[in-house]
N, C-alpha and C. Protein backbone atom coordinates (compact mmCIF):
# COMPACT_ATOMS: atom_id res chain seq x y z
N MET A 1 0.93 -0.83 0.06
CA MET A 1 -0.22 -0.07 0.32
C MET A 1 0.81 1.41 0.35
N ALA A 2 1.01 2.09 -1.10
CA ALA A 2 1.79 3.48 -1.01
C ALA A 2 0.88 4.59 -0.01
N HIS A 3 1.59 4.89 0.77
CA HIS A 3 1.32 6.05 1.61
C HIS A 3 1.42 7.37 1.41
N ARG A 4 0.46 8.29 1.34
CA ARG A 4 0.29 9.69 1.38
C ARG A 4 1.05 10.24 2.04
N TYR A 5 2.14 11.23 1.51
CA TYR A 5 2.94 12.14 2.12
C TYR A 5 2.15 13.43 2.16
N LYS A 6 2.03 14.12 3.37
CA LYS A 6 1.96 15.42 3.73
C LYS A 6 2.80 16.08 3.99
N SER A 7 2.57 17.26 3.71
CA SER A 7 3.45 18.74 3.91
C SER A 7 3.31 19.19 4.96
N TYR A 8 4.34 20.01 5.91
CA TYR A 8 4.38 20.79 6.84
C TYR A 8 5.50 21.66 6.97
N ALA A 9 5.06 23.40 6.73
CA ALA A 9 6.38 23.94 7.32
C ALA A 9 6.38 24.46 8.12
N ALA A 10 7.38 23.94 9.07
CA ALA A 10 7.71 24.31 10.68
C ALA A 10 7.85 25.87 10.67
N GLU A 11 7.76 26.23 12.00
CA GLU A 11 8.22 27.63 12.50
C GLU A 11 9.75 27.84 12.38
N THR A 12 10.44 26.38 12.42
CA THR A 12 11.76 26.29 12.81
C THR A 12 12.50 26.52 10.98
N GLY A 13 11.66 26.29 10.01
CA GLY A 13 12.10 26.82 8.59
C GLY A 13 12.58 25.48 8.04
N THR A 14 11.98 24.38 8.87
CA THR A 14 12.29 23.01 7.97
C THR A 14 10.86 22.63 7.31
N VAL A 15 11.15 22.35 6.29
CA VAL A 15 9.83 21.43 5.48
C VAL A 15 9.58 20.03 5.88
N TYR A 16 8.81 19.76 6.62
CA TYR A 16 8.43 18.14 6.81
C TYR A 16 7.62 17.33 6.14
N GLN A 17 7.85 16.74 5.27
CA GLN A 17 7.06 15.39 4.55
C GLN A 17 6.46 14.27 5.69
N TYR A 18 5.55 13.94 5.83
CA TYR A 18 5.04 12.80 7.12
C TYR A 18 4.07 12.02 6.58
N PHE A 19 3.93 10.92 7.21
CA PHE A 19 2.70 10.18 6.92
C PHE A 19 2.42 9.09 8.38
N PHE A 20 1.12 8.53 8.40
CA PHE A 20 0.57 8.11 9.51
C PHE A 20 1.25 6.48 9.25
N ALA A 21 2.00 5.92 9.70
CA ALA A 21 1.95 4.67 9.60
C ALA A 21 1.00 3.92 10.50
N ASN A 22 0.45 3.84 11.71
CA ASN A 22 -0.12 3.01 12.29
C ASN A 22 -0.16 3.31 14.13
N SER A 23 -0.98 3.22 14.54
CA SER A 23 -1.10 3.04 15.98
C SER A 23 -1.01 1.36 16.58
N ARG A 24 -0.97 1.69 18.18
CA ARG A 24 -0.98 0.40 18.63
C ARG A 24 -0.70 0.74 20.04
N ARG A 25 -1.36 -0.08 21.15
CA ARG A 25 -1.41 -0.04 22.45
C ARG A 25 -0.02 -0.37 23.21
N VAL A 26 0.50 0.20 23.83
CA VAL A 26 1.59 0.03 24.42
C VAL A 26 1.83 0.31 25.94
N ASN A 27 2.50 -0.11 26.84
CA ASN A 27 2.93 0.41 28.00
C ASN A 27 4.54 0.54 28.37
N ARG A 28 4.52 1.89 28.25
CA ARG A 28 6.22 2.61 28.18
C ARG A 28 6.63 2.29 29.19
N PRO A 29 7.62 1.77 29.60
CA PRO A 29 8.40 1.55 30.66
C PRO A 29 8.99 2.87 31.68
N GLU A 30 9.52 3.82 30.69
CA GLU A 30 10.07 4.87 31.42
C GLU A 30 9.13 5.87 32.34
N GLY A 31 7.90 4.72 32.80
CA GLY A 31 7.07 5.60 33.85
C GLY A 31 5.77 6.44 33.48
N GLN A 32 5.65 6.04 32.17
CA GLN A 32 4.64 6.67 31.31
C GLN A 32 3.39 6.05 31.44
N GLY A 33 3.33 4.75 31.76
CA GLY A 33 2.30 3.67 32.07
C GLY A 33 2.03 3.49 30.73
N ALA A 34 0.69 2.97 30.93
CA ALA A 34 -0.05 2.17 29.33
C ALA A 34 -0.75 3.45 28.44
N GLY A 35 -1.25 3.29 27.40
CA GLY A 35 -1.20 4.25 26.33
C GLY A 35 -1.58 3.91 24.92
N ASN A 36 -1.46 4.79 23.81
CA ASN A 36 -0.93 4.67 22.53
C ASN A 36 -0.26 5.31 21.80
N ASP A 37 0.78 4.32 21.24
CA ASP A 37 1.70 5.46 20.37
C ASP A 37 1.05 5.80 19.13
N PHE A 38 1.11 6.48 18.33
CA PHE A 38 0.90 7.08 16.89
C PHE A 38 2.04 6.94 16.30
N ILE A 39 2.47 6.23 15.45
CA ILE A 39 3.69 6.35 14.91
C ILE A 39 3.34 6.78 13.32
N PHE A 40 4.35 8.07 13.12
CA PHE A 40 4.68 8.73 12.32
C PHE A 40 6.23 8.63 11.19
N VAL A 41 5.79 8.23 10.05
CA VAL A 41 7.05 8.25 8.92
C VAL A 41 7.53 9.70 8.84
N VAL A 42 8.64 10.03 9.17
CA VAL A 42 9.19 11.92 8.63
C VAL A 42 10.23 11.80 8.15
N THR A 43 10.17 12.84 6.99
CA THR A 43 11.43 13.26 6.26
C THR A 43 11.26 14.55 6.44
N PRO A 44 12.42 14.99 7.07
CA PRO A 44 12.73 16.98 7.15
C PRO A 44 13.62 17.14 5.70
N ASP A 45 13.19 18.19 5.30
CA ASP A 45 14.13 18.55 4.28
C ASP A 45 14.56 17.99 3.30
N GLN A 46 14.10 16.59 2.98
CA GLN A 46 14.40 15.77 1.80
C GLN A 46 15.54 14.80 2.14
N MET A 47 15.33 14.95 3.58
CA MET A 47 16.77 14.03 4.32
C MET A 47 16.03 12.73 4.43
N PRO A 48 16.93 11.55 4.70
CA PRO A 48 16.48 10.56 4.61
C PRO A 48 15.66 10.51 6.01
N PRO A 49 14.12 9.44 5.71
CA PRO A 49 13.44 9.35 6.72
C PRO A 49 13.41 8.89 8.02
N PHE A 50 12.63 9.09 9.17
CA PHE A 50 12.87 8.49 10.26
C PHE A 50 11.65 8.32 10.84
N VAL A 51 11.36 7.48 12.10
CA VAL A 51 10.19 7.55 12.68
C VAL A 51 10.13 8.20 14.28
N LEU A 52 9.02 8.45 14.10
CA LEU A 52 8.50 9.24 15.38
C LEU A 52 7.41 8.94 16.20
N ARG A 53 7.31 8.29 17.38
CA ARG A 53 6.24 8.27 18.03
C ARG A 53 5.82 9.37 18.89
N VAL A 54 4.40 9.62 18.85
CA VAL A 54 3.32 10.21 19.44
C VAL A 54 2.86 9.45 20.65
N PHE A 55 3.26 9.52 21.81
CA PHE A 55 2.27 8.66 22.97
C PHE A 55 1.22 9.06 23.24
N ILE A 56 0.01 8.84 23.76
CA ILE A 56 -0.81 9.12 23.90
C ILE A 56 -1.23 8.33 25.78
N SER A 57 -1.02 8.85 26.57
CA SER A 57 -0.92 8.34 27.95
C SER A 57 -2.87 8.06 28.15
N GLU A 58 -2.81 6.84 29.16
CA GLU A 58 -4.25 6.76 29.50
C GLU A 58 -4.39 7.86 30.65
N ARG A 59 -3.89 8.15 31.01
CA ARG A 59 -3.60 9.36 32.45
C ARG A 59 -4.37 10.72 31.57
N ALA A 60 -3.73 11.01 30.23
CA ALA A 60 -4.53 11.98 29.46
C ALA A 60 -5.77 11.97 28.92
N LEU A 61 -6.00 10.55 28.77
CA LEU A 61 -7.39 10.45 28.28
C LEU A 61 -8.34 10.25 29.26
N GLU A 62 -8.03 10.32 30.29
CA GLU A 62 -8.78 9.88 31.89
C GLU A 62 -9.11 11.39 32.04
N VAL A 63 -8.04 12.22 32.14
CA VAL A 63 -8.28 13.89 32.51
C VAL A 63 -9.27 14.49 31.34
N TRP A 64 -8.84 14.07 30.12
CA TRP A 64 -10.29 14.45 29.18
C TRP A 64 -11.84 13.75 29.61
N ARG A 65 -11.49 12.91 29.58
CA ARG A 65 -13.01 12.56 29.83
C ARG A 65 -13.83 12.91 31.19
N ARG A 66 -12.81 13.12 31.93
CA ARG A 66 -12.91 13.97 33.64
C ARG A 66 -13.76 15.58 33.23
N GLY A 67 -13.05 15.94 32.55
CA GLY A 67 -13.43 17.10 32.13
C GLY A 67 -14.58 17.33 31.05
N HIS A 68 -14.66 16.54 30.14
CA HIS A 68 -15.45 16.89 29.24
C HIS A 68 -16.82 16.11 29.59
N GLY A 69 -16.89 14.76 30.18
CA GLY A 69 -17.81 14.00 30.15
C GLY A 69 -18.19 12.68 29.43
N ARG A 70 -17.01 12.66 28.55
CA ARG A 70 -17.06 11.67 27.78
C ARG A 70 -15.47 11.19 26.93
N VAL A 71 -15.37 10.31 26.22
CA VAL A 71 -13.95 9.64 25.72
C VAL A 71 -14.09 10.06 24.72
N LEU A 72 -12.48 10.45 24.23
CA LEU A 72 -12.05 11.12 23.26
C LEU A 72 -12.50 9.88 21.91
N ASP A 73 -12.66 9.75 20.83
CA ASP A 73 -12.82 8.33 20.03
C ASP A 73 -11.60 8.59 18.99
N SER A 74 -11.57 7.46 18.13
CA SER A 74 -10.07 6.82 17.68
C SER A 74 -9.62 8.39 16.66
N ASN A 75 -10.63 8.98 16.06
CA ASN A 75 -10.42 10.14 15.31
C ASN A 75 -9.78 11.74 16.42
N GLU A 76 -10.13 11.38 17.29
CA GLU A 76 -9.76 12.52 18.28
C GLU A 76 -8.76 12.14 18.84
N MET A 77 -8.50 11.18 19.20
CA MET A 77 -7.19 10.82 19.84
C MET A 77 -5.84 10.60 18.45
N TYR A 78 -6.23 10.47 17.36
CA TYR A 78 -5.05 10.81 16.46
C TYR A 78 -5.14 12.13 16.05
N ALA A 79 -6.14 13.32 16.27
CA ALA A 79 -6.21 14.43 16.09
C ALA A 79 -4.88 15.00 17.33
N ALA A 80 -4.97 14.89 18.51
CA ALA A 80 -4.41 14.82 19.67
C ALA A 80 -2.73 14.71 19.43
N ALA A 81 -2.72 13.65 18.62
CA ALA A 81 -1.19 13.16 18.13
C ALA A 81 -0.97 14.02 16.95
N LYS A 82 -1.24 14.42 15.79
CA LYS A 82 -0.91 14.92 15.18
C LYS A 82 -1.15 16.31 16.09
N MET A 83 -1.50 16.73 16.62
CA MET A 83 -1.13 18.57 17.20
C MET A 83 0.27 18.31 17.95
N ARG A 84 0.16 17.06 18.62
CA ARG A 84 1.38 17.06 19.15
C ARG A 84 2.96 17.11 18.32
N LEU A 85 2.54 16.24 17.26
CA LEU A 85 3.53 16.22 16.00
C LEU A 85 3.54 17.63 15.53
N PHE A 86 2.65 18.31 14.99
CA PHE A 86 2.86 19.76 14.49
C PHE A 86 3.76 20.78 15.83
N ARG A 87 3.24 20.77 16.92
CA ARG A 87 3.88 21.29 18.14
C ARG A 87 5.40 21.03 17.69
N ALA A 88 6.04 19.81 17.86
CA ALA A 88 7.46 19.14 17.73
C ALA A 88 7.94 19.57 16.43
N PHE A 89 7.30 20.02 15.04
CA PHE A 89 8.05 20.73 13.94
C PHE A 89 8.09 22.02 14.28
N ASP A 90 7.24 22.52 15.20
CA ASP A 90 7.62 24.01 15.26
C ASP A 90 8.35 24.33 16.41
N GLU A 91 8.97 23.22 17.34
CA GLU A 91 9.69 23.40 18.61
C GLU A 91 11.13 22.89 18.39
N ILE A 92 11.19 21.78 17.51
CA ILE A 92 12.40 21.52 17.95
C ILE A 92 13.21 21.66 16.68
N GLU A 93 14.25 22.10 16.85
CA GLU A 93 15.27 21.90 15.50
C GLU A 93 15.45 20.71 15.23
N CYS A 94 15.99 19.82 15.78
CA CYS A 94 16.03 18.45 15.26
C CYS A 94 15.74 17.44 15.76
N LEU A 95 14.60 16.71 15.20
CA LEU A 95 13.62 15.88 16.05
C LEU A 95 14.26 14.27 15.91
N ARG A 96 15.10 14.25 14.81
CA ARG A 96 15.91 13.03 14.94
C ARG A 96 16.40 12.80 16.43
N GLY A 97 16.30 11.55 16.93
CA GLY A 97 16.88 11.60 18.18
C GLY A 97 15.40 11.63 19.32
N ASP A 98 14.35 12.31 19.04
CA ASP A 98 13.36 12.22 20.14
C ASP A 98 12.43 11.22 19.61
N GLU A 99 12.63 9.87 19.21
CA GLU A 99 11.61 9.32 18.64
C GLU A 99 10.70 8.79 19.99
N LEU A 100 10.73 8.60 21.26
CA LEU A 100 10.32 8.66 22.07
C LEU A 100 9.77 9.53 23.17
N ASN A 101 9.90 10.57 22.94
CA ASN A 101 9.88 11.67 23.88
C ASN A 101 8.86 12.95 23.61
N LEU A 102 8.04 12.49 22.55
CA LEU A 102 6.48 13.44 22.21
C LEU A 102 5.42 12.83 22.44
N LEU A 103 5.12 13.50 23.85
CA LEU A 103 3.88 13.08 24.37
C LEU A 103 2.74 13.75 24.95
N VAL A 104 1.43 13.11 24.92
CA VAL A 104 0.37 13.55 25.00
C VAL A 104 -0.04 13.39 26.17
N ASP A 105 0.03 13.88 27.46
CA ASP A 105 -0.11 13.45 28.79
C ASP A 105 -1.33 14.44 29.56
N GLU A 106 -0.94 14.07 30.91
CA GLU A 106 -2.46 15.02 31.46
C GLU A 106 -2.06 16.35 31.55
N ALA A 107 -0.73 16.91 31.39
CA ALA A 107 -0.13 18.16 31.83
C ALA A 107 -0.62 19.01 29.79
N ASN A 108 -0.88 18.69 28.99
CA ASN A 108 -0.86 18.72 27.94
C ASN A 108 -2.04 18.83 26.84
N VAL A 109 -2.64 17.88 27.35
CA VAL A 109 -4.01 17.05 26.62
C VAL A 109 -4.91 18.20 25.92
N GLU A 110 -5.25 19.07 26.96
CA GLU A 110 -6.19 20.10 27.00
C GLU A 110 -5.69 21.31 26.11
N GLU A 111 -4.79 21.77 26.42
CA GLU A 111 -3.81 22.71 25.41
C GLU A 111 -3.83 22.33 24.12
N LEU A 112 -3.59 20.97 23.90
CA LEU A 112 -3.00 20.28 22.52
C LEU A 112 -4.64 20.26 21.74
N LEU A 113 -5.73 19.88 22.40
CA LEU A 113 -6.69 19.92 21.87
C LEU A 113 -7.58 21.01 21.68
N GLU A 114 -7.40 22.33 22.61
CA GLU A 114 -8.37 23.58 22.44
C GLU A 114 -8.27 24.27 21.06
N PRO A 115 -7.78 24.34 20.13
CA PRO A 115 -8.03 24.65 19.07
C PRO A 115 -8.81 23.93 18.08
N LEU A 116 -9.13 22.63 18.39
CA LEU A 116 -9.89 22.11 17.85
C LEU A 116 -11.25 21.87 18.02
N ASN A 117 -11.61 22.82 19.06
CA ASN A 117 -12.82 23.03 19.80
C ASN A 117 -13.88 21.56 20.09
N LEU A 118 -13.46 20.48 20.59
CA LEU A 118 -13.87 19.27 20.72
C LEU A 118 -14.96 19.46 21.57
């Protein structure tokens, strides 16, 4: 299956090509607990591609549920992961090496989803 690359011109000046590869349930041993990894393949400025994982913690999902009276559906979870990916594109000069550091947790879930008016 061919993947459809999308483009994102980051505030750092880098133009990224990316596609969503898949998601999977994981239990992160770094103390982040259970959640979902959303896996993206990223190519910055025509350089070799690499994989970035955006982890959405179960704790973040629980904070959202308590604050909004409902759970996030799979499309909304993908939107949260993509918003976190875009923030990383805009704020981190060199993303290679940050493969496991992009998190949606209880501290940022509201802020990441706020522009989407969910």
